[in-house]
Amino acid sequence: MKISQFQMKLSNFILHTAVPIFALVDWMLFLPHGRVRPRAAVYFLAYPIAYSIFIALRAQFGGYLYGTVRYPYPFADPDLLGWPVTLLVAALLLLVYYAMGRMFIALDCWMTTKKESSP
């Protein structure tokens, strides 16, 4: 089955833009705040680590994606960048994910104190 350019752009938009925005809005408006502890930022790294392992294994044992590449993203493609650069990029992404986790935890705490202090 051939995927059209429109279908590819639409699915990328939904996956990488719409879903994160809706998840953020859902968290901010509908979920209770103040339950997440700062150490949870380390636990947030489990998904990107597991996904990195998955794409590496999938590339080794699976076929080509879209008929041309083995990895889903150019920044995670050791065939294109080499393993040292790919691992450096992965480490930098983990730092960014950790920093974003801490930022969202701080925002969660701030939202809790703001809610408690309002009349």
C-alpha atoms as a PDB file:
ATOM      1  CA  MET A   1       0.000   0.000   0.000  1.00  0.00           C
ATOM      2  CA  LYS A   2       1.431   3.347  -1.035  1.00  0.00           C
ATOM      3  CA  ILE A   3       1.038   6.279   1.349  1.00  0.00           C
ATOM      4  CA  SER A   4       0.398   9.644  -0.268  1.00  0.00           C
ATOM      5  CA  GLN A   5       2.362  12.758   0.633  1.00  0.00           C
ATOM      6  CA  PHE A   6      -0.805  14.246   2.150  1.00  0.00           C
ATOM      7  CA  GLN A   7      -1.368  11.186   4.348  1.00  0.00           C
ATOM      8  CA  MET A   8       2.257  11.312   5.516  1.00  0.00           C
ATOM      9  CA  LYS A   9       2.063  15.024   6.378  1.00  0.00           C
ATOM     10  CA  LEU A  10      -1.282  14.594   8.122  1.00  0.00           C
ATOM     11  CA  SER A  11      -0.105  11.656  10.222  1.00  0.00           C
ATOM     12  CA  ASN A  12       3.110  13.498  11.151  1.00  0.00           C
ATOM     13  CA  PHE A  13       1.092  16.574  12.159  1.00  0.00           C
ATOM     14  CA  ILE A  14      -1.291  14.516  14.305  1.00  0.00           C
ATOM     15  CA  LEU A  15       1.502  12.509  15.952  1.00  0.00           C
ATOM     16  CA  HIS A  16       4.055  15.268  16.526  1.00  0.00           C
ATOM     17  CA  THR A  17       1.868  18.376  16.991  1.00  0.00           C
ATOM     18  CA  ALA A  18      -1.804  17.720  17.760  1.00  0.00           C
ATOM     19  CA  VAL A  19      -1.372  14.855  20.244  1.00  0.00           C
ATOM     20  CA  PRO A  20       1.249  16.667  22.388  1.00  0.00           C
ATOM     21  CA  ILE A  21      -0.880  19.834  22.472  1.00  0.00           C
ATOM     22  CA  PHE A  22      -4.012  17.925  23.472  1.00  0.00           C
ATOM     23  CA  ALA A  23      -2.068  15.948  26.103  1.00  0.00           C
ATOM     24  CA  LEU A  24      -0.720  19.181  27.604  1.00  0.00           C
ATOM     25  CA  VAL A  25      -4.152  20.823  27.645  1.00  0.00           C
ATOM     26  CA  ASP A  26      -5.692  17.687  29.173  1.00  0.00           C
ATOM     27  CA  TRP A  27      -3.045  17.630  31.901  1.00  0.00           C
ATOM     28  CA  MET A  28      -3.378  21.342  32.669  1.00  0.00           C
ATOM     29  CA  LEU A  29      -7.175  21.467  32.742  1.00  0.00           C
ATOM     30  CA  PHE A  30      -8.501  18.088  33.809  1.00  0.00           C
ATOM     31  CA  LEU A  31      -5.976  16.195  35.927  1.00  0.00           C
ATOM     32  CA  PRO A  32      -5.207  16.736  39.633  1.00  0.00           C
ATOM     33  CA  HIS A  33      -1.978  18.574  40.382  1.00  0.00           C
ATOM     34  CA  GLY A  34       0.624  18.273  43.119  1.00  0.00           C
ATOM     35  CA  ARG A  35       1.054  14.509  43.069  1.00  0.00           C
ATOM     36  CA  VAL A  36       4.256  14.238  41.041  1.00  0.00           C
ATOM     37  CA  ARG A  37       7.559  14.388  42.921  1.00  0.00           C
ATOM     38  CA  PRO A  38      10.806  15.807  41.468  1.00  0.00           C
ATOM     39  CA  ARG A  39      12.455  12.378  41.275  1.00  0.00           C
ATOM     40  CA  ALA A  40       9.766  11.359  38.766  1.00  0.00           C
ATOM     41  CA  ALA A  41      11.697  13.254  36.080  1.00  0.00           C
ATOM     42  CA  VAL A  42      14.132  10.340  36.044  1.00  0.00           C
ATOM     43  CA  TYR A  43      11.238   7.919  35.488  1.00  0.00           C
ATOM     44  CA  PHE A  44      10.084  10.028  32.543  1.00  0.00           C
ATOM     45  CA  LEU A  45      13.257   8.908  30.736  1.00  0.00           C
ATOM     46  CA  ALA A  46      12.059   5.292  30.572  1.00  0.00           C
ATOM     47  CA  TYR A  47       9.982   5.846  27.430  1.00  0.00           C
ATOM     48  CA  PRO A  48      12.666   7.568  25.313  1.00  0.00           C
ATOM     49  CA  ILE A  49      15.237   4.962  26.394  1.00  0.00           C
ATOM     50  CA  ALA A  50      12.874   2.089  25.562  1.00  0.00           C
ATOM     51  CA  TYR A  51      11.964   3.705  22.226  1.00  0.00           C
ATOM     52  CA  SER A  52      15.638   4.169  21.339  1.00  0.00           C
ATOM     53  CA  ILE A  53      16.307   0.503  22.058  1.00  0.00           C
ATOM     54  CA  PHE A  54      13.246  -0.467  20.031  1.00  0.00           C
ATOM     55  CA  ILE A  55      14.257   1.522  16.938  1.00  0.00           C
ATOM     56  CA  ALA A  56      17.820   0.163  17.111  1.00  0.00           C
ATOM     57  CA  LEU A  57      16.539  -3.425  17.318  1.00  0.00           C
ATOM     58  CA  ARG A  58      13.908  -2.800  14.665  1.00  0.00           C
ATOM     59  CA  ALA A  59      16.549  -1.420  12.311  1.00  0.00           C
ATOM     60  CA  GLN A  60      18.785  -4.458  12.827  1.00  0.00           C
ATOM     61  CA  PHE A  61      16.089  -7.105  12.412  1.00  0.00           C
ATOM     62  CA  GLY A  62      13.341  -5.362  10.412  1.00  0.00           C
ATOM     63  CA  GLY A  63      13.146  -4.077   6.901  1.00  0.00           C
ATOM     64  CA  TYR A  64      13.502  -0.613   5.484  1.00  0.00           C
ATOM     65  CA  LEU A  65      11.050   2.138   6.439  1.00  0.00           C
ATOM     66  CA  TYR A  66       9.449   3.875   3.469  1.00  0.00           C
ATOM     67  CA  GLY A  67      11.664   1.718   1.268  1.00  0.00           C
ATOM     68  CA  THR A  68      14.813   3.798   1.830  1.00  0.00           C
ATOM     69  CA  VAL A  69      15.954   4.056   5.463  1.00  0.00           C
ATOM     70  CA  ARG A  70      16.130   1.767   8.491  1.00  0.00           C
ATOM     71  CA  TYR A  71      15.575   4.438  11.160  1.00  0.00           C
ATOM     72  CA  PRO A  72      12.485   6.659  11.588  1.00  0.00           C
ATOM     73  CA  TYR A  73      14.368   9.932  12.194  1.00  0.00           C
ATOM     74  CA  PRO A  74      17.555  11.296  10.602  1.00  0.00           C
ATOM     75  CA  PHE A  75      18.959  12.373  13.999  1.00  0.00           C
ATOM     76  CA  ALA A  76      18.633   8.764  15.220  1.00  0.00           C
ATOM     77  CA  ASP A  77      20.211   7.157  12.151  1.00  0.00           C
ATOM     78  CA  PRO A  78      23.701   5.740  12.718  1.00  0.00           C
ATOM     79  CA  ASP A  79      23.805   4.712   9.043  1.00  0.00           C
ATOM     80  CA  LEU A  80      23.690   8.425   8.245  1.00  0.00           C
ATOM     81  CA  LEU A  81      25.558   9.966  11.202  1.00  0.00           C
ATOM     82  CA  GLY A  82      27.665   7.144  12.620  1.00  0.00           C
ATOM     83  CA  TRP A  83      27.235   5.643  16.083  1.00  0.00           C
ATOM     84  CA  PRO A  84      29.259   8.244  18.050  1.00  0.00           C
ATOM     85  CA  VAL A  85      27.160  11.169  16.790  1.00  0.00           C
ATOM     86  CA  THR A  86      23.909   9.215  17.131  1.00  0.00           C
ATOM     87  CA  LEU A  87      24.723   8.309  20.749  1.00  0.00           C
ATOM     88  CA  LEU A  88      25.675  11.930  21.480  1.00  0.00           C
ATOM     89  CA  VAL A  89      22.364  13.114  20.039  1.00  0.00           C
ATOM     90  CA  ALA A  90      20.528  10.482  22.132  1.00  0.00           C
ATOM     91  CA  ALA A  91      22.314  11.654  25.289  1.00  0.00           C
ATOM     92  CA  LEU A  92      21.466  15.291  24.531  1.00  0.00           C
ATOM     93  CA  LEU A  93      17.837  14.358  23.931  1.00  0.00           C
ATOM     94  CA  LEU A  94      17.740  12.560  27.278  1.00  0.00           C
ATOM     95  CA  LEU A  95      19.038  15.726  28.951  1.00  0.00           C
ATOM     96  CA  VAL A  96      16.345  17.759  27.207  1.00  0.00           C
ATOM     97  CA  TYR A  97      13.648  15.262  28.243  1.00  0.00           C
ATOM     98  CA  TYR A  98      14.909  15.355  31.834  1.00  0.00           C
ATOM     99  CA  ALA A  99      14.927  19.172  31.863  1.00  0.00           C
ATOM    100  CA  MET A 100      11.417  19.265  30.387  1.00  0.00           C
ATOM    101  CA  GLY A 101      10.263  16.745  33.001  1.00  0.00           C
ATOM    102  CA  ARG A 102      11.628  18.930  35.791  1.00  0.00           C
ATOM    103  CA  MET A 103      10.019  21.983  34.185  1.00  0.00           C
ATOM    104  CA  PHE A 104       6.610  20.291  34.030  1.00  0.00           C
ATOM    105  CA  ILE A 105       6.952  19.080  37.623  1.00  0.00           C
ATOM    106  CA  ALA A 106       7.758  22.642  38.718  1.00  0.00           C
ATOM    107  CA  LEU A 107       4.768  23.923  36.737  1.00  0.00           C
ATOM    108  CA  ASP A 108       2.601  21.255  38.379  1.00  0.00           C
ATOM    109  CA  CYS A 109       3.745  22.379  41.845  1.00  0.00           C
ATOM    110  CA  TRP A 110       3.156  26.022  40.928  1.00  0.00           C
ATOM    111  CA  MET A 111      -0.356  25.207  39.676  1.00  0.00           C
ATOM    112  CA  THR A 112      -1.050  23.434  42.984  1.00  0.00           C
ATOM    113  CA  THR A 113       0.113  26.359  45.140  1.00  0.00           C
ATOM    114  CA  LYS A 114      -1.711  28.862  42.925  1.00  0.00           C
ATOM    115  CA  LYS A 115      -4.931  26.826  43.208  1.00  0.00           C
ATOM    116  CA  GLU A 116      -4.592  26.530  47.009  1.00  0.00           C
ATOM    117  CA  SER A 117      -3.929  30.251  47.451  1.00  0.00           C
ATOM    118  CA  SER A 118      -6.912  31.396  45.368  1.00  0.00           C
ATOM    119  CA  PRO A 119     -10.131  32.172  47.259  1.00  0.00           C
END
